[in-house]
Amino acid sequence: MTEHTNARGSLPQPVQEKDILCLGYLQRVFALLGSLHLCGCERDKAGNRRLFYDDYVKLVLVYIWNPAIRSMRDLLHAVTLPKVAKALGVKRFSAGSFSESVTSFEPELLLPIVAQLAGELTPTASDPRLGQVKDALTLVDGTVLTGLTRLAKAACPAAAGAEIAPTRYNTSRDGLAMHGWRLHTQFDLKTFSVHRLDRTGARNAGAAREHNVLHDHLEPDRCYVCDGGYADHKLFDAITDIGSSYVIRSADNAVFNVREERLLSQEALDAGIVRDAIVELPGAKHPVRRLEIQVTPHPRRTRQGVKLVDRLILTTPVPELPEAAERVP
């Protein structure tokens, strides 16, 4: 958290009670945090700790849900406001104790609480055609967090013998190294909640590459829906072997051998499908199904620059999805 100034260069006005939102919703979460209270107090031999783990989580949640709180000064002031103080039950604390809390409290202890909250979610209405997919639809993607550049750079310096730190992912126009974290998210479409979240350095390479992270955390009975960054033959095989399915976008220049071209039904043609084939991928154990769908031309960035794309190419396991074509006699 840093201080921000207004257009005239002076410090902004202190946060007021009317600026603090969502306390009613957050109190439902606060009620679940009691088990965290004494966690991380092992080093407090003097017994004078004033900021506990549950307090720290409450403060972080209030900060995240309230854009009006832009700095540590704002957060310290918010705790003194009667309405906020009553909702949080947090005593005044020092900036030093708040900063030190990052290393004192174990993030994994939050997982049961997150799981409990996720279990209270009710499924949302969905397209009835999705009922034909027997596995749990799981949307997968990776996102780089760029707002914690200095923290990422300090936390993960380049290892001995390594030229690039794992958090470095790009270079700015002025030649400075850009650092960050990458969050690898699995989102369950039925419950409309995050099923799994993994954090790595921002550099999309090695063990932190998106398809490698997913490969290491596969589960049976899921249908993984991913973009082209996950189009990896080993990942396709691993998903099939574990008893799940996938719908993954592939590049138009992917190499494959056609095993069978399938005659498109009228229903498939009406859906915009222009090709349905069973193909073999070099080095892969299992054949895959390649669907090519005509779409409205749109620009797409590639390593060679921006090009116009008018086909969406999807790769799936052979037997998993409903038939989009009739087998050629």
C-alpha atoms as a PDB file:
ATOM      1  CA  MET A   1       0.000   0.000   0.000  1.00  0.00           C
ATOM      2  CA  THR A   2       1.354   3.424  -0.883  1.00  0.00           C
ATOM      3  CA  GLU A   3       0.306   7.010  -0.382  1.00  0.00           C
ATOM      4  CA  HIS A   4      -1.541   8.728  -3.227  1.00  0.00           C
ATOM      5  CA  THR A   5      -1.931  12.436  -3.769  1.00  0.00           C
ATOM      6  CA  ASN A   6      -4.677  14.360  -5.491  1.00  0.00           C
ATOM      7  CA  ALA A   7      -4.326  16.505  -8.597  1.00  0.00           C
ATOM      8  CA  ARG A   8      -2.991  19.425  -6.574  1.00  0.00           C
ATOM      9  CA  GLY A   9      -0.279  17.327  -4.956  1.00  0.00           C
ATOM     10  CA  SER A  10      -1.733  17.369  -1.425  1.00  0.00           C
ATOM     11  CA  LEU A  11      -2.708  14.294   0.562  1.00  0.00           C
ATOM     12  CA  PRO A  12      -6.337  13.161   0.106  1.00  0.00           C
ATOM     13  CA  GLN A  13      -8.969  13.636   2.784  1.00  0.00           C
ATOM     14  CA  PRO A  14      -9.158  10.897   5.447  1.00  0.00           C
ATOM     15  CA  VAL A  15     -11.462   7.971   4.721  1.00  0.00           C
ATOM     16  CA  GLN A  16     -14.931   8.421   6.224  1.00  0.00           C
ATOM     17  CA  GLU A  17     -17.476   5.851   7.377  1.00  0.00           C
ATOM     18  CA  LYS A  18     -19.623   6.436   4.301  1.00  0.00           C
ATOM     19  CA  ASP A  19     -16.661   5.404   2.135  1.00  0.00           C
ATOM     20  CA  ILE A  20     -16.397   1.928   3.680  1.00  0.00           C
ATOM     21  CA  LEU A  21     -18.587  -0.566   1.818  1.00  0.00           C
ATOM     22  CA  CYS A  22     -19.597  -4.237   2.080  1.00  0.00           C
ATOM     23  CA  LEU A  23     -19.116  -4.621   5.846  1.00  0.00           C
ATOM     24  CA  GLY A  24     -22.398  -6.533   6.082  1.00  0.00           C
ATOM     25  CA  TYR A  25     -21.253  -9.096   3.520  1.00  0.00           C
ATOM     26  CA  LEU A  26     -17.776  -9.354   5.006  1.00  0.00           C
ATOM     27  CA  GLN A  27     -19.097 -10.045   8.497  1.00  0.00           C
ATOM     28  CA  ARG A  28     -20.367 -13.395   7.208  1.00  0.00           C
ATOM     29  CA  VAL A  29     -16.736 -14.241   6.498  1.00  0.00           C
ATOM     30  CA  PHE A  30     -15.450 -12.695   9.713  1.00  0.00           C
ATOM     31  CA  ALA A  31     -17.589 -15.160  11.683  1.00  0.00           C
ATOM     32  CA  LEU A  32     -15.566 -18.062  10.230  1.00  0.00           C
ATOM     33  CA  LEU A  33     -12.146 -16.714  11.185  1.00  0.00           C
ATOM     34  CA  GLY A  34     -12.149 -17.464  14.915  1.00  0.00           C
ATOM     35  CA  SER A  35     -10.067 -20.636  14.507  1.00  0.00           C
ATOM     36  CA  LEU A  36      -7.192 -18.529  13.148  1.00  0.00           C
ATOM     37  CA  HIS A  37      -6.895 -16.258  16.183  1.00  0.00           C
ATOM     38  CA  LEU A  38      -3.908 -17.881  17.912  1.00  0.00           C
ATOM     39  CA  CYS A  39      -2.183 -19.164  14.787  1.00  0.00           C
ATOM     40  CA  GLY A  40       1.287 -17.711  14.325  1.00  0.00           C
ATOM     41  CA  CYS A  41       1.666 -16.644  17.955  1.00  0.00           C
ATOM     42  CA  GLU A  42       4.449 -19.123  18.744  1.00  0.00           C
ATOM     43  CA  ARG A  43       7.095 -16.393  18.656  1.00  0.00           C
ATOM     44  CA  ASP A  44       5.128 -14.075  20.938  1.00  0.00           C
ATOM     45  CA  LYS A  45       6.949 -15.070  24.136  1.00  0.00           C
ATOM     46  CA  ALA A  46       6.068 -11.782  25.839  1.00  0.00           C
ATOM     47  CA  GLY A  47       2.351 -12.229  25.174  1.00  0.00           C
ATOM     48  CA  ASN A  48       1.932  -8.669  23.923  1.00  0.00           C
ATOM     49  CA  ARG A  49       0.753  -9.313  20.362  1.00  0.00           C
ATOM     50  CA  ARG A  50      -2.061  -6.959  19.379  1.00  0.00           C
ATOM     51  CA  LEU A  51      -2.647  -8.015  15.759  1.00  0.00           C
ATOM     52  CA  PHE A  52      -3.762 -11.640  15.331  1.00  0.00           C
ATOM     53  CA  TYR A  53      -4.237 -13.776  12.229  1.00  0.00           C
ATOM     54  CA  ASP A  54      -8.025 -13.303  12.109  1.00  0.00           C
ATOM     55  CA  ASP A  55      -7.512  -9.552  12.526  1.00  0.00           C
ATOM     56  CA  TYR A  56      -5.023  -9.500   9.660  1.00  0.00           C
ATOM     57  CA  VAL A  57      -7.428 -11.334   7.313  1.00  0.00           C
ATOM     58  CA  LYS A  58     -10.239  -8.940   8.196  1.00  0.00           C
ATOM     59  CA  LEU A  59      -8.057  -5.933   7.415  1.00  0.00           C
ATOM     60  CA  VAL A  60      -6.926  -7.373   4.086  1.00  0.00           C
ATOM     61  CA  LEU A  61     -10.528  -8.121   3.075  1.00  0.00           C
ATOM     62  CA  VAL A  62     -11.673  -4.617   3.975  1.00  0.00           C
ATOM     63  CA  TYR A  63      -8.793  -3.185   1.937  1.00  0.00           C
ATOM     64  CA  ILE A  64      -9.566  -5.356  -1.103  1.00  0.00           C
ATOM     65  CA  TRP A  65     -13.289  -4.567  -1.073  1.00  0.00           C
ATOM     66  CA  ASN A  66     -12.869  -0.825  -0.590  1.00  0.00           C
ATOM     67  CA  PRO A  67     -11.073   1.178  -3.293  1.00  0.00           C
ATOM     68  CA  ALA A  68     -11.312   4.258  -1.054  1.00  0.00           C
ATOM     69  CA  ILE A  69      -8.617   2.682   1.156  1.00  0.00           C
ATOM     70  CA  ARG A  70      -5.481   3.399  -0.855  1.00  0.00           C
ATOM     71  CA  SER A  71      -2.715   3.234   1.724  1.00  0.00           C
ATOM     72  CA  MET A  72      -1.626   1.899   5.089  1.00  0.00           C
ATOM     73  CA  ARG A  73      -2.491   5.329   6.534  1.00  0.00           C
ATOM     74  CA  ASP A  74      -6.077   4.932   5.286  1.00  0.00           C
ATOM     75  CA  LEU A  75      -6.353   1.443   6.769  1.00  0.00           C
ATOM     76  CA  LEU A  76      -5.015   2.552  10.140  1.00  0.00           C
ATOM     77  CA  HIS A  77      -7.514   5.418  10.128  1.00  0.00           C
ATOM     78  CA  ALA A  78     -10.442   3.197   9.060  1.00  0.00           C
ATOM     79  CA  VAL A  79     -10.005   1.010  12.146  1.00  0.00           C
ATOM     80  CA  THR A  80     -10.714   4.063  14.332  1.00  0.00           C
ATOM     81  CA  LEU A  81     -14.100   4.724  12.696  1.00  0.00           C
ATOM     82  CA  PRO A  82     -16.877   3.513  15.067  1.00  0.00           C
ATOM     83  CA  LYS A  83     -18.832   1.506  12.495  1.00  0.00           C
ATOM     84  CA  VAL A  84     -15.719  -0.165  11.108  1.00  0.00           C
ATOM     85  CA  ALA A  85     -14.249  -0.796  14.549  1.00  0.00           C
ATOM     86  CA  LYS A  86     -17.464  -2.510  15.661  1.00  0.00           C
ATOM     87  CA  ALA A  87     -17.619  -4.724  12.552  1.00  0.00           C
ATOM     88  CA  LEU A  88     -13.960  -5.769  12.685  1.00  0.00           C
ATOM     89  CA  GLY A  89     -13.303  -5.888  16.411  1.00  0.00           C
ATOM     90  CA  VAL A  90      -9.679  -5.031  15.634  1.00  0.00           C
ATOM     91  CA  LYS A  91      -7.683  -2.858  18.013  1.00  0.00           C
ATOM     92  CA  ARG A  92      -5.280  -0.196  16.822  1.00  0.00           C
ATOM     93  CA  PHE A  93      -2.105  -1.668  15.406  1.00  0.00           C
ATOM     94  CA  SER A  94       1.226  -0.433  14.136  1.00  0.00           C
ATOM     95  CA  ALA A  95       2.280  -0.450  10.496  1.00  0.00           C
ATOM     96  CA  GLY A  96       5.291  -2.536  11.507  1.00  0.00           C
ATOM     97  CA  SER A  97       3.192  -5.315  13.045  1.00  0.00           C
ATOM     98  CA  PHE A  98       0.968  -5.392   9.959  1.00  0.00           C
ATOM     99  CA  SER A  99       3.979  -5.738   7.646  1.00  0.00           C
ATOM    100  CA  GLU A 100       5.545  -8.413   9.872  1.00  0.00           C
ATOM    101  CA  SER A 101       2.311 -10.416   9.746  1.00  0.00           C
ATOM    102  CA  VAL A 102       3.020 -11.436   6.153  1.00  0.00           C
ATOM    103  CA  THR A 103       5.716 -13.830   7.382  1.00  0.00           C
ATOM    104  CA  SER A 104       4.016 -14.838  10.661  1.00  0.00           C
ATOM    105  CA  PHE A 105       0.765 -16.287   9.340  1.00  0.00           C
ATOM    106  CA  GLU A 106       0.432 -19.422   7.210  1.00  0.00           C
ATOM    107  CA  PRO A 107      -1.784 -18.896   4.095  1.00  0.00           C
ATOM    108  CA  GLU A 108      -2.667 -22.616   3.852  1.00  0.00           C
ATOM    109  CA  LEU A 109      -4.745 -22.305   7.035  1.00  0.00           C
ATOM    110  CA  LEU A 110      -7.265 -20.296   5.010  1.00  0.00           C
ATOM    111  CA  LEU A 111      -8.018 -23.188   2.660  1.00  0.00           C
ATOM    112  CA  PRO A 112     -10.688 -24.894   4.870  1.00  0.00           C
ATOM    113  CA  ILE A 113     -12.454 -21.563   5.281  1.00  0.00           C
ATOM    114  CA  VAL A 114     -12.378 -20.916   1.528  1.00  0.00           C
ATOM    115  CA  ALA A 115     -13.699 -24.449   0.940  1.00  0.00           C
ATOM    116  CA  GLN A 116     -16.545 -23.867   3.406  1.00  0.00           C
ATOM    117  CA  LEU A 117     -17.548 -20.652   1.665  1.00  0.00           C
ATOM    118  CA  ALA A 118     -17.354 -22.310  -1.750  1.00  0.00           C
ATOM    119  CA  GLY A 119     -19.593 -25.119  -0.493  1.00  0.00           C
ATOM    120  CA  GLU A 120     -22.328 -22.610   0.287  1.00  0.00           C
ATOM    121  CA  LEU A 121     -22.558 -21.488  -3.334  1.00  0.00           C
ATOM    122  CA  THR A 122     -25.595 -22.647  -5.281  1.00  0.00           C
ATOM    123  CA  PRO A 123     -25.306 -23.683  -8.942  1.00  0.00           C
ATOM    124  CA  THR A 124     -26.405 -21.065 -11.458  1.00  0.00           C
ATOM    125  CA  ALA A 125     -28.720 -21.722 -14.378  1.00  0.00           C
ATOM    126  CA  SER A 126     -26.807 -22.949 -17.436  1.00  0.00           C
ATOM    127  CA  ASP A 127     -27.404 -23.908 -21.030  1.00  0.00           C
ATOM    128  CA  PRO A 128     -29.235 -27.279 -20.959  1.00  0.00           C
ATOM    129  CA  ARG A 129     -26.889 -28.558 -23.703  1.00  0.00           C
ATOM    130  CA  LEU A 130     -24.061 -28.528 -21.179  1.00  0.00           C
ATOM    131  CA  GLY A 131     -25.851 -31.397 -19.454  1.00  0.00           C
ATOM    132  CA  GLN A 132     -24.552 -33.656 -22.224  1.00  0.00           C
ATOM    133  CA  VAL A 133     -21.029 -33.182 -20.856  1.00  0.00           C
ATOM    134  CA  LYS A 134     -20.703 -35.688 -18.032  1.00  0.00           C
ATOM    135  CA  ASP A 135     -17.529 -34.210 -16.501  1.00  0.00           C
ATOM    136  CA  ALA A 136     -17.388 -31.063 -14.359  1.00  0.00           C
ATOM    137  CA  LEU A 137     -16.668 -28.160 -16.714  1.00  0.00           C
ATOM    138  CA  THR A 138     -13.508 -26.459 -15.464  1.00  0.00           C
ATOM    139  CA  LEU A 139     -12.239 -23.270 -17.102  1.00  0.00           C
ATOM    140  CA  VAL A 140      -8.459 -22.933 -16.876  1.00  0.00           C
ATOM    141  CA  ASP A 141      -6.224 -19.920 -17.460  1.00  0.00           C
ATOM    142  CA  GLY A 142      -3.218 -18.049 -16.119  1.00  0.00           C
ATOM    143  CA  THR A 143      -3.090 -14.341 -15.299  1.00  0.00           C
ATOM    144  CA  VAL A 144      -0.053 -12.180 -14.539  1.00  0.00           C
ATOM    145  CA  LEU A 145      -0.363  -9.840 -11.556  1.00  0.00           C
ATOM    146  CA  THR A 146       1.689  -6.746 -12.331  1.00  0.00           C
ATOM    147  CA  GLY A 147       0.795  -4.625  -9.312  1.00  0.00           C
ATOM    148  CA  LEU A 148       3.309  -6.264  -6.960  1.00  0.00           C
ATOM    149  CA  THR A 149       6.419  -5.750  -9.073  1.00  0.00           C
ATOM    150  CA  ARG A 150       8.866  -4.772  -6.351  1.00  0.00           C
ATOM    151  CA  LEU A 151       7.615  -7.448  -3.969  1.00  0.00           C
ATOM    152  CA  ALA A 152       7.905 -10.155  -6.633  1.00  0.00           C
ATOM    153  CA  LYS A 153      11.384  -9.044  -7.612  1.00  0.00           C
ATOM    154  CA  ALA A 154      12.586  -9.048  -3.988  1.00  0.00           C
ATOM    155  CA  ALA A 155      10.941 -12.353  -3.092  1.00  0.00           C
ATOM    156  CA  CYS A 156      12.269 -14.387  -6.029  1.00  0.00           C
ATOM    157  CA  PRO A 157      15.694 -13.231  -7.211  1.00  0.00           C
ATOM    158  CA  ALA A 158      17.508 -15.183  -9.917  1.00  0.00           C
ATOM    159  CA  ALA A 159      18.959 -18.418  -8.540  1.00  0.00           C
ATOM    160  CA  ALA A 160      22.683 -19.114  -8.697  1.00  0.00           C
ATOM    161  CA  GLY A 161      23.613 -19.804 -12.301  1.00  0.00           C
ATOM    162  CA  ALA A 162      20.255 -18.597 -13.652  1.00  0.00           C
ATOM    163  CA  GLU A 163      20.179 -15.621 -15.993  1.00  0.00           C
ATOM    164  CA  ILE A 164      16.538 -14.651 -15.394  1.00  0.00           C
ATOM    165  CA  ALA A 165      14.526 -14.499 -12.164  1.00  0.00           C
ATOM    166  CA  PRO A 166      11.347 -16.632 -12.240  1.00  0.00           C
ATOM    167  CA  THR A 167       9.207 -13.547 -11.698  1.00  0.00           C
ATOM    168  CA  ARG A 168      10.629 -11.648 -14.679  1.00  0.00           C
ATOM    169  CA  TYR A 169       8.307 -11.875 -17.659  1.00  0.00           C
ATOM    170  CA  ASN A 170       9.053  -8.902 -19.910  1.00  0.00           C
ATOM    171  CA  THR A 171      11.144  -5.779 -20.475  1.00  0.00           C
ATOM    172  CA  SER A 172       9.667  -2.287 -20.511  1.00  0.00           C
ATOM    173  CA  ARG A 173      10.268   0.194 -23.306  1.00  0.00           C
ATOM    174  CA  ASP A 174      12.922   1.913 -21.225  1.00  0.00           C
ATOM    175  CA  GLY A 175      14.806  -1.361 -20.762  1.00  0.00           C
ATOM    176  CA  LEU A 176      13.768  -2.131 -17.182  1.00  0.00           C
ATOM    177  CA  ALA A 177      12.964  -5.692 -16.143  1.00  0.00           C
ATOM    178  CA  MET A 178       9.264  -6.307 -15.456  1.00  0.00           C
ATOM    179  CA  HIS A 179       8.419  -8.688 -12.595  1.00  0.00           C
ATOM    180  CA  GLY A 180       5.200 -10.187 -11.265  1.00  0.00           C
ATOM    181  CA  TRP A 181       3.333 -13.291 -10.161  1.00  0.00           C
ATOM    182  CA  ARG A 182       1.224 -15.601 -12.314  1.00  0.00           C
ATOM    183  CA  LEU A 183      -2.003 -17.036 -10.906  1.00  0.00           C
ATOM    184  CA  HIS A 184      -3.065 -20.358 -12.446  1.00  0.00           C
ATOM    185  CA  THR A 185      -6.813 -20.644 -11.932  1.00  0.00           C
ATOM    186  CA  GLN A 186      -9.219 -23.563 -12.314  1.00  0.00           C
ATOM    187  CA  PHE A 187     -12.787 -22.245 -12.300  1.00  0.00           C
ATOM    188  CA  ASP A 188     -15.714 -24.645 -11.786  1.00  0.00           C
ATOM    189  CA  LEU A 189     -18.508 -23.504 -14.086  1.00  0.00           C
ATOM    190  CA  LYS A 190     -21.253 -25.360 -12.174  1.00  0.00           C
ATOM    191  CA  THR A 191     -20.574 -23.792  -8.796  1.00  0.00           C
ATOM    192  CA  PHE A 192     -19.265 -20.597 -10.420  1.00  0.00           C
ATOM    193  CA  SER A 193     -16.326 -20.573  -8.030  1.00  0.00           C
ATOM    194  CA  VAL A 194     -12.574 -21.125  -8.087  1.00  0.00           C
ATOM    195  CA  HIS A 195     -11.773 -24.823  -7.775  1.00  0.00           C
ATOM    196  CA  ARG A 196      -8.011 -24.410  -7.511  1.00  0.00           C
ATOM    197  CA  LEU A 197      -5.548 -21.513  -7.544  1.00  0.00           C
ATOM    198  CA  ASP A 198      -1.764 -21.846  -7.857  1.00  0.00           C
ATOM    199  CA  ARG A 199       0.817 -19.063  -7.795  1.00  0.00           C
ATOM    200  CA  THR A 200       4.133 -19.130  -9.640  1.00  0.00           C
ATOM    201  CA  GLY A 201       6.589 -16.598 -10.973  1.00  0.00           C
ATOM    202  CA  ALA A 202       5.221 -14.655 -13.925  1.00  0.00           C
ATOM    203  CA  ARG A 203       7.619 -16.133 -16.475  1.00  0.00           C
ATOM    204  CA  ASN A 204       5.670 -18.648 -18.561  1.00  0.00           C
ATOM    205  CA  ALA A 205       8.456 -21.207 -18.800  1.00  0.00           C
ATOM    206  CA  GLY A 206       9.626 -24.489 -17.316  1.00  0.00           C
ATOM    207  CA  ALA A 207       7.631 -25.809 -14.374  1.00  0.00           C
ATOM    208  CA  ALA A 208       5.692 -22.512 -14.258  1.00  0.00           C
ATOM    209  CA  ARG A 209       4.466 -22.826 -17.857  1.00  0.00           C
ATOM    210  CA  GLU A 210       0.686 -22.878 -17.871  1.00  0.00           C
ATOM    211  CA  HIS A 211       0.227 -26.344 -19.356  1.00  0.00           C
ATOM    212  CA  ASN A 212       2.832 -27.809 -16.979  1.00  0.00           C
ATOM    213  CA  VAL A 213       1.067 -26.390 -13.914  1.00  0.00           C
ATOM    214  CA  LEU A 214      -2.235 -27.879 -15.061  1.00  0.00           C
ATOM    215  CA  HIS A 215      -0.492 -31.198 -15.841  1.00  0.00           C
ATOM    216  CA  ASP A 216       0.699 -31.380 -12.215  1.00  0.00           C
ATOM    217  CA  HIS A 217      -2.779 -30.807 -10.750  1.00  0.00           C
ATOM    218  CA  LEU A 218      -5.129 -32.874 -12.909  1.00  0.00           C
ATOM    219  CA  GLU A 219      -8.154 -34.635 -11.417  1.00  0.00           C
ATOM    220  CA  PRO A 220     -10.513 -37.273 -12.815  1.00  0.00           C
ATOM    221  CA  ASP A 221     -14.050 -36.517 -13.977  1.00  0.00           C
ATOM    222  CA  ARG A 222     -13.354 -32.989 -15.152  1.00  0.00           C
ATOM    223  CA  CYS A 223     -13.619 -31.358 -18.560  1.00  0.00           C
ATOM    224  CA  TYR A 224     -10.818 -28.805 -18.826  1.00  0.00           C
ATOM    225  CA  VAL A 225     -11.593 -25.848 -21.128  1.00  0.00           C
ATOM    226  CA  CYS A 226      -8.433 -23.948 -22.076  1.00  0.00           C
ATOM    227  CA  ASP A 227      -6.966 -21.542 -24.601  1.00  0.00           C
ATOM    228  CA  GLY A 228      -4.099 -22.226 -26.990  1.00  0.00           C
ATOM    229  CA  GLY A 229      -1.448 -21.926 -24.287  1.00  0.00           C
ATOM    230  CA  TYR A 230      -2.450 -25.398 -23.097  1.00  0.00           C
ATOM    231  CA  ALA A 231      -2.233 -27.132 -26.497  1.00  0.00           C
ATOM    232  CA  ASP A 232       0.400 -29.666 -25.468  1.00  0.00           C
ATOM    233  CA  HIS A 233       0.436 -33.317 -26.585  1.00  0.00           C
ATOM    234  CA  LYS A 234       1.653 -34.610 -23.220  1.00  0.00           C
ATOM    235  CA  LEU A 235      -1.121 -32.707 -21.459  1.00  0.00           C
ATOM    236  CA  PHE A 236      -3.727 -34.209 -23.818  1.00  0.00           C
ATOM    237  CA  ASP A 237      -2.511 -37.714 -22.979  1.00  0.00           C
ATOM    238  CA  ALA A 238      -2.328 -37.026 -19.244  1.00  0.00           C
ATOM    239  CA  ILE A 239      -5.901 -35.720 -19.115  1.00  0.00           C
ATOM    240  CA  THR A 240      -7.166 -38.769 -20.976  1.00  0.00           C
ATOM    241  CA  ASP A 241      -5.155 -41.154 -18.795  1.00  0.00           C
ATOM    242  CA  ILE A 242      -6.489 -39.698 -15.548  1.00  0.00           C
ATOM    243  CA  GLY A 243     -10.087 -40.132 -16.695  1.00  0.00           C
ATOM    244  CA  SER A 244     -11.021 -36.576 -17.638  1.00  0.00           C
ATOM    245  CA  SER A 245     -11.758 -34.772 -20.897  1.00  0.00           C
ATOM    246  CA  TYR A 246     -10.843 -31.416 -22.420  1.00  0.00           C
ATOM    247  CA  VAL A 247     -11.721 -28.759 -24.977  1.00  0.00           C
ATOM    248  CA  ILE A 248      -8.532 -26.900 -25.874  1.00  0.00           C
ATOM    249  CA  ARG A 249      -7.912 -24.379 -28.608  1.00  0.00           C
ATOM    250  CA  SER A 250      -5.193 -25.327 -31.093  1.00  0.00           C
ATOM    251  CA  ALA A 251      -3.158 -23.360 -33.587  1.00  0.00           C
ATOM    252  CA  ASP A 252      -4.036 -23.494 -37.275  1.00  0.00           C
ATOM    253  CA  ASN A 253      -0.491 -24.614 -38.095  1.00  0.00           C
ATOM    254  CA  ALA A 254      -0.456 -27.585 -35.699  1.00  0.00           C
ATOM    255  CA  VAL A 255       1.103 -30.741 -37.177  1.00  0.00           C
ATOM    256  CA  PHE A 256      -1.097 -33.866 -37.344  1.00  0.00           C
ATOM    257  CA  ASN A 257      -1.916 -36.926 -39.436  1.00  0.00           C
ATOM    258  CA  VAL A 258      -5.532 -37.480 -40.440  1.00  0.00           C
ATOM    259  CA  ARG A 259      -6.908 -40.862 -39.431  1.00  0.00           C
ATOM    260  CA  GLU A 260     -10.525 -40.196 -40.415  1.00  0.00           C
ATOM    261  CA  GLU A 261     -12.488 -37.330 -41.987  1.00  0.00           C
ATOM    262  CA  ARG A 262     -16.090 -37.248 -40.814  1.00  0.00           C
ATOM    263  CA  LEU A 263     -19.103 -36.272 -42.894  1.00  0.00           C
ATOM    264  CA  LEU A 264     -20.744 -33.214 -41.371  1.00  0.00           C
ATOM    265  CA  SER A 265     -24.421 -33.386 -40.457  1.00  0.00           C
ATOM    266  CA  GLN A 266     -26.778 -30.512 -41.196  1.00  0.00           C
ATOM    267  CA  GLU A 267     -26.850 -29.706 -37.475  1.00  0.00           C
ATOM    268  CA  ALA A 268     -23.059 -29.416 -37.475  1.00  0.00           C
ATOM    269  CA  LEU A 269     -23.081 -27.190 -40.567  1.00  0.00           C
ATOM    270  CA  ASP A 270     -25.721 -24.949 -39.002  1.00  0.00           C
ATOM    271  CA  ALA A 271     -23.447 -24.604 -35.973  1.00  0.00           C
ATOM    272  CA  GLY A 272     -20.632 -23.315 -38.185  1.00  0.00           C
ATOM    273  CA  ILE A 273     -18.490 -26.481 -38.083  1.00  0.00           C
ATOM    274  CA  VAL A 274     -16.500 -26.807 -41.310  1.00  0.00           C
ATOM    275  CA  ARG A 275     -14.333 -29.788 -40.414  1.00  0.00           C
ATOM    276  CA  ASP A 276     -14.573 -32.735 -38.027  1.00  0.00           C
ATOM    277  CA  ALA A 277     -11.684 -35.173 -38.115  1.00  0.00           C
ATOM    278  CA  ILE A 278      -9.972 -37.811 -36.000  1.00  0.00           C
ATOM    279  CA  VAL A 279      -6.240 -37.094 -36.116  1.00  0.00           C
ATOM    280  CA  GLU A 280      -2.991 -38.374 -34.655  1.00  0.00           C
ATOM    281  CA  LEU A 281      -0.491 -35.971 -33.105  1.00  0.00           C
ATOM    282  CA  PRO A 282       3.250 -36.615 -33.333  1.00  0.00           C
ATOM    283  CA  GLY A 283       4.430 -38.373 -30.177  1.00  0.00           C
ATOM    284  CA  ALA A 284       0.958 -38.583 -28.596  1.00  0.00           C
ATOM    285  CA  LYS A 285      -0.446 -41.884 -27.301  1.00  0.00           C
ATOM    286  CA  HIS A 286      -4.097 -41.119 -27.998  1.00  0.00           C
ATOM    287  CA  PRO A 287      -5.773 -39.876 -31.197  1.00  0.00           C
ATOM    288  CA  VAL A 288      -7.769 -36.660 -30.798  1.00  0.00           C
ATOM    289  CA  ARG A 289     -10.761 -35.071 -32.394  1.00  0.00           C
ATOM    290  CA  ARG A 290     -10.114 -31.817 -34.307  1.00  0.00           C
ATOM    291  CA  LEU A 291     -13.061 -29.483 -34.852  1.00  0.00           C
ATOM    292  CA  GLU A 292     -12.750 -26.411 -37.069  1.00  0.00           C
ATOM    293  CA  ILE A 293     -15.477 -23.782 -36.631  1.00  0.00           C
ATOM    294  CA  GLN A 294     -16.086 -20.801 -38.895  1.00  0.00           C
ATOM    295  CA  VAL A 295     -16.201 -17.587 -36.848  1.00  0.00           C
ATOM    296  CA  THR A 296     -16.413 -13.882 -37.548  1.00  0.00           C
ATOM    297  CA  PRO A 297     -12.931 -12.728 -38.650  1.00  0.00           C
ATOM    298  CA  HIS A 298     -11.095 -11.079 -35.780  1.00  0.00           C
ATOM    299  CA  PRO A 299      -7.501  -9.903 -35.162  1.00  0.00           C
ATOM    300  CA  ARG A 300      -5.251 -12.085 -33.041  1.00  0.00           C
ATOM    301  CA  ARG A 301      -1.773 -11.363 -31.774  1.00  0.00           C
ATOM    302  CA  THR A 302       0.922 -13.886 -32.651  1.00  0.00           C
ATOM    303  CA  ARG A 303       4.705 -13.934 -32.416  1.00  0.00           C
ATOM    304  CA  GLN A 304       4.792 -12.848 -36.062  1.00  0.00           C
ATOM    305  CA  GLY A 305       2.437  -9.941 -35.400  1.00  0.00           C
ATOM    306  CA  VAL A 306      -1.319  -9.438 -35.640  1.00  0.00           C
ATOM    307  CA  LYS A 307      -3.212 -11.554 -38.146  1.00  0.00           C
ATOM    308  CA  LEU A 308      -6.862 -11.987 -39.073  1.00  0.00           C
ATOM    309  CA  VAL A 309      -8.382 -15.259 -37.860  1.00  0.00           C
ATOM    310  CA  ASP A 310     -11.657 -16.688 -39.146  1.00  0.00           C
ATOM    311  CA  ARG A 311     -11.522 -20.229 -37.746  1.00  0.00           C
ATOM    312  CA  LEU A 312     -11.695 -21.531 -34.204  1.00  0.00           C
ATOM    313  CA  ILE A 313      -9.855 -24.856 -33.941  1.00  0.00           C
ATOM    314  CA  LEU A 314     -10.679 -27.085 -30.975  1.00  0.00           C
ATOM    315  CA  THR A 315      -9.045 -30.324 -29.860  1.00  0.00           C
ATOM    316  CA  THR A 316     -10.950 -32.833 -27.717  1.00  0.00           C
ATOM    317  CA  PRO A 317     -10.654 -36.525 -26.849  1.00  0.00           C
ATOM    318  CA  VAL A 318     -12.320 -38.752 -29.430  1.00  0.00           C
ATOM    319  CA  PRO A 319     -15.247 -40.228 -27.443  1.00  0.00           C
ATOM    320  CA  GLU A 320     -16.150 -37.505 -24.964  1.00  0.00           C
ATOM    321  CA  LEU A 321     -18.320 -34.851 -26.636  1.00  0.00           C
ATOM    322  CA  PRO A 322     -21.695 -35.278 -28.370  1.00  0.00           C
ATOM    323  CA  GLU A 323     -21.499 -36.152 -32.064  1.00  0.00           C
ATOM    324  CA  ALA A 324     -21.252 -33.134 -34.360  1.00  0.00           C
ATOM    325  CA  ALA A 325     -20.994 -35.253 -37.510  1.00  0.00           C
ATOM    326  CA  GLU A 326     -21.952 -38.626 -38.911  1.00  0.00           C
ATOM    327  CA  ARG A 327     -19.301 -41.239 -39.565  1.00  0.00           C
ATOM    328  CA  VAL A 328     -18.342 -41.522 -43.239  1.00  0.00           C
ATOM    329  CA  PRO A 329     -19.715 -44.853 -44.628  1.00  0.00           C
END
